[in-house]
Amino acid sequence: MKKFMGWLKNEESGQGMVEYGLIIGLMAAVIIGAIAILGPKITALFDGISLT
C-alpha cells in the first residue's frame, strides 16, 4: 500500500492535459473579452461600409 501511495504522489501523466486545458481556457477568455470590447466598433465599421 505504501508503494502504491508513493506512485500516486509521483504520478504526472495527466499533468500535461490539465495544462493544455488551462491554456485553452485562458485563450477562450481572452478571445471572448476582445470580442466584447471590440464588438461595437466592428459593428459600427460594417454598418458604415454597408451604407456607402
N, C-alpha and C. Protein backbone atom coordinates (compact mmCIF):
# COMPACT_ATOMS: atom_id res chain seq x y z
N MET A 1 0.83 -1.20 0.00
CA MET A 1 0.00 0.00 0.00
C MET A 1 0.87 1.25 0.00
N LYS A 2 1.97 1.20 0.75
CA LYS A 2 2.86 2.35 0.82
C LYS A 2 3.50 2.63 -0.54
N LYS A 3 3.82 1.56 -1.27
CA LYS A 3 4.40 1.72 -2.60
C LYS A 3 3.39 2.36 -3.56
N PHE A 4 2.12 1.94 -3.47
CA PHE A 4 1.07 2.48 -4.33
C PHE A 4 0.84 3.96 -4.03
N MET A 5 0.83 4.35 -2.76
CA MET A 5 0.63 5.76 -2.39
C MET A 5 1.80 6.61 -2.90
N GLY A 6 3.00 6.08 -2.84
CA GLY A 6 4.16 6.80 -3.38
C GLY A 6 4.05 6.98 -4.88
N TRP A 7 3.55 5.95 -5.56
CA TRP A 7 3.36 6.05 -7.01
C TRP A 7 2.32 7.10 -7.35
N LEU A 8 1.20 7.12 -6.60
CA LEU A 8 0.16 8.10 -6.84
C LEU A 8 0.68 9.53 -6.65
N LYS A 9 1.49 9.72 -5.62
CA LYS A 9 2.02 11.05 -5.32
C LYS A 9 2.96 11.53 -6.43
N ASN A 10 3.69 10.62 -7.04
CA ASN A 10 4.67 11.00 -8.06
C ASN A 10 4.14 10.90 -9.48
N GLU A 11 2.92 10.45 -9.66
CA GLU A 11 2.34 10.28 -10.99
C GLU A 11 2.05 11.64 -11.62
N GLU A 12 2.55 11.88 -12.84
CA GLU A 12 2.38 13.16 -13.52
C GLU A 12 1.88 13.00 -14.94
N SER A 13 1.33 11.87 -15.30
CA SER A 13 0.94 11.64 -16.69
C SER A 13 -0.24 12.51 -17.11
N GLY A 14 -1.13 12.87 -16.21
CA GLY A 14 -2.28 13.70 -16.56
C GLY A 14 -2.00 15.19 -16.47
N GLN A 15 -0.82 15.55 -16.00
CA GLN A 15 -0.49 16.95 -15.80
C GLN A 15 -0.48 17.73 -17.11
N GLY A 16 0.02 17.15 -18.18
CA GLY A 16 0.09 17.84 -19.47
C GLY A 16 -1.28 18.21 -20.00
N MET A 17 -2.23 17.31 -19.86
CA MET A 17 -3.59 17.57 -20.33
C MET A 17 -4.23 18.70 -19.55
N VAL A 18 -3.99 18.74 -18.25
CA VAL A 18 -4.54 19.81 -17.42
C VAL A 18 -3.95 21.15 -17.86
N GLU A 19 -2.66 21.17 -18.13
CA GLU A 19 -2.02 22.41 -18.57
C GLU A 19 -2.58 22.87 -19.92
N TYR A 20 -2.78 21.94 -20.84
CA TYR A 20 -3.37 22.30 -22.13
C TYR A 20 -4.79 22.83 -21.95
N GLY A 21 -5.54 22.22 -21.05
CA GLY A 21 -6.89 22.69 -20.77
C GLY A 21 -6.90 24.10 -20.21
N LEU A 22 -5.96 24.39 -19.31
CA LEU A 22 -5.87 25.74 -18.75
C LEU A 22 -5.48 26.76 -19.81
N ILE A 23 -4.56 26.40 -20.69
CA ILE A 23 -4.16 27.31 -21.76
C ILE A 23 -5.33 27.59 -22.71
N ILE A 24 -6.07 26.55 -23.07
CA ILE A 24 -7.22 26.73 -23.96
C ILE A 24 -8.29 27.59 -23.29
N GLY A 25 -8.50 27.37 -22.00
CA GLY A 25 -9.47 28.19 -21.27
C GLY A 25 -9.06 29.64 -21.21
N LEU A 26 -7.77 29.91 -20.99
CA LEU A 26 -7.27 31.28 -20.96
C LEU A 26 -7.40 31.94 -22.32
N MET A 27 -7.08 31.19 -23.38
CA MET A 27 -7.21 31.75 -24.72
C MET A 27 -8.67 32.08 -25.04
N ALA A 28 -9.58 31.20 -24.63
CA ALA A 28 -11.00 31.45 -24.87
C ALA A 28 -11.46 32.70 -24.12
N ALA A 29 -11.00 32.88 -22.88
CA ALA A 29 -11.38 34.06 -22.11
C ALA A 29 -10.86 35.33 -22.76
N VAL A 30 -9.64 35.31 -23.27
CA VAL A 30 -9.07 36.48 -23.94
C VAL A 30 -9.83 36.80 -25.22
N ILE A 31 -10.15 35.78 -25.98
CA ILE A 31 -10.89 36.00 -27.24
C ILE A 31 -12.29 36.55 -26.95
N ILE A 32 -12.97 35.99 -25.97
CA ILE A 32 -14.30 36.49 -25.61
C ILE A 32 -14.23 37.93 -25.12
N GLY A 33 -13.21 38.24 -24.33
CA GLY A 33 -13.03 39.62 -23.86
C GLY A 33 -12.77 40.58 -25.00
N ALA A 34 -11.93 40.16 -25.95
CA ALA A 34 -11.62 41.03 -27.09
C ALA A 34 -12.87 41.26 -27.94
N ILE A 35 -13.66 40.23 -28.13
CA ILE A 35 -14.90 40.39 -28.91
C ILE A 35 -15.86 41.31 -28.17
N ALA A 36 -15.94 41.18 -26.86
CA ALA A 36 -16.85 42.03 -26.09
C ALA A 36 -16.42 43.50 -26.15
N ILE A 37 -15.12 43.74 -26.14
CA ILE A 37 -14.61 45.12 -26.18
C ILE A 37 -14.69 45.70 -27.59
N LEU A 38 -14.28 44.91 -28.58
CA LEU A 38 -14.20 45.42 -29.95
C LEU A 38 -15.48 45.21 -30.75
N GLY A 39 -16.43 44.45 -30.23
CA GLY A 39 -17.66 44.14 -30.97
C GLY A 39 -18.41 45.36 -31.47
N PRO A 40 -18.70 46.34 -30.60
CA PRO A 40 -19.43 47.51 -31.08
C PRO A 40 -18.67 48.31 -32.15
N LYS A 41 -17.35 48.38 -32.03
CA LYS A 41 -16.55 49.11 -33.02
C LYS A 41 -16.59 48.40 -34.37
N ILE A 42 -16.50 47.09 -34.34
CA ILE A 42 -16.54 46.32 -35.58
C ILE A 42 -17.93 46.43 -36.22
N THR A 43 -18.97 46.38 -35.40
CA THR A 43 -20.33 46.53 -35.92
C THR A 43 -20.51 47.89 -36.57
N ALA A 44 -20.01 48.94 -35.92
CA ALA A 44 -20.11 50.28 -36.48
C ALA A 44 -19.34 50.39 -37.80
N LEU A 45 -18.19 49.74 -37.87
CA LEU A 45 -17.39 49.76 -39.09
C LEU A 45 -18.16 49.11 -40.24
N PHE A 46 -18.76 47.94 -40.00
CA PHE A 46 -19.50 47.27 -41.07
C PHE A 46 -20.78 48.02 -41.42
N ASP A 47 -21.40 48.65 -40.43
CA ASP A 47 -22.59 49.46 -40.73
C ASP A 47 -22.21 50.63 -41.61
N GLY A 48 -21.07 51.25 -41.36
CA GLY A 48 -20.60 52.35 -42.19
C GLY A 48 -20.29 51.92 -43.62
N ILE A 49 -19.74 50.71 -43.74
CA ILE A 49 -19.42 50.20 -45.06
C ILE A 49 -20.70 49.87 -45.84
N SER A 50 -21.68 49.32 -45.15
CA SER A 50 -22.91 48.91 -45.84
C SER A 50 -23.75 50.12 -46.28
N LEU A 51 -23.58 51.28 -45.65
CA LEU A 51 -24.35 52.47 -46.00
C LEU A 51 -23.80 53.18 -47.23
N THR A 52 -22.56 52.92 -47.58
CA THR A 52 -21.97 53.62 -48.73
C THR A 52 -22.19 52.90 -50.02
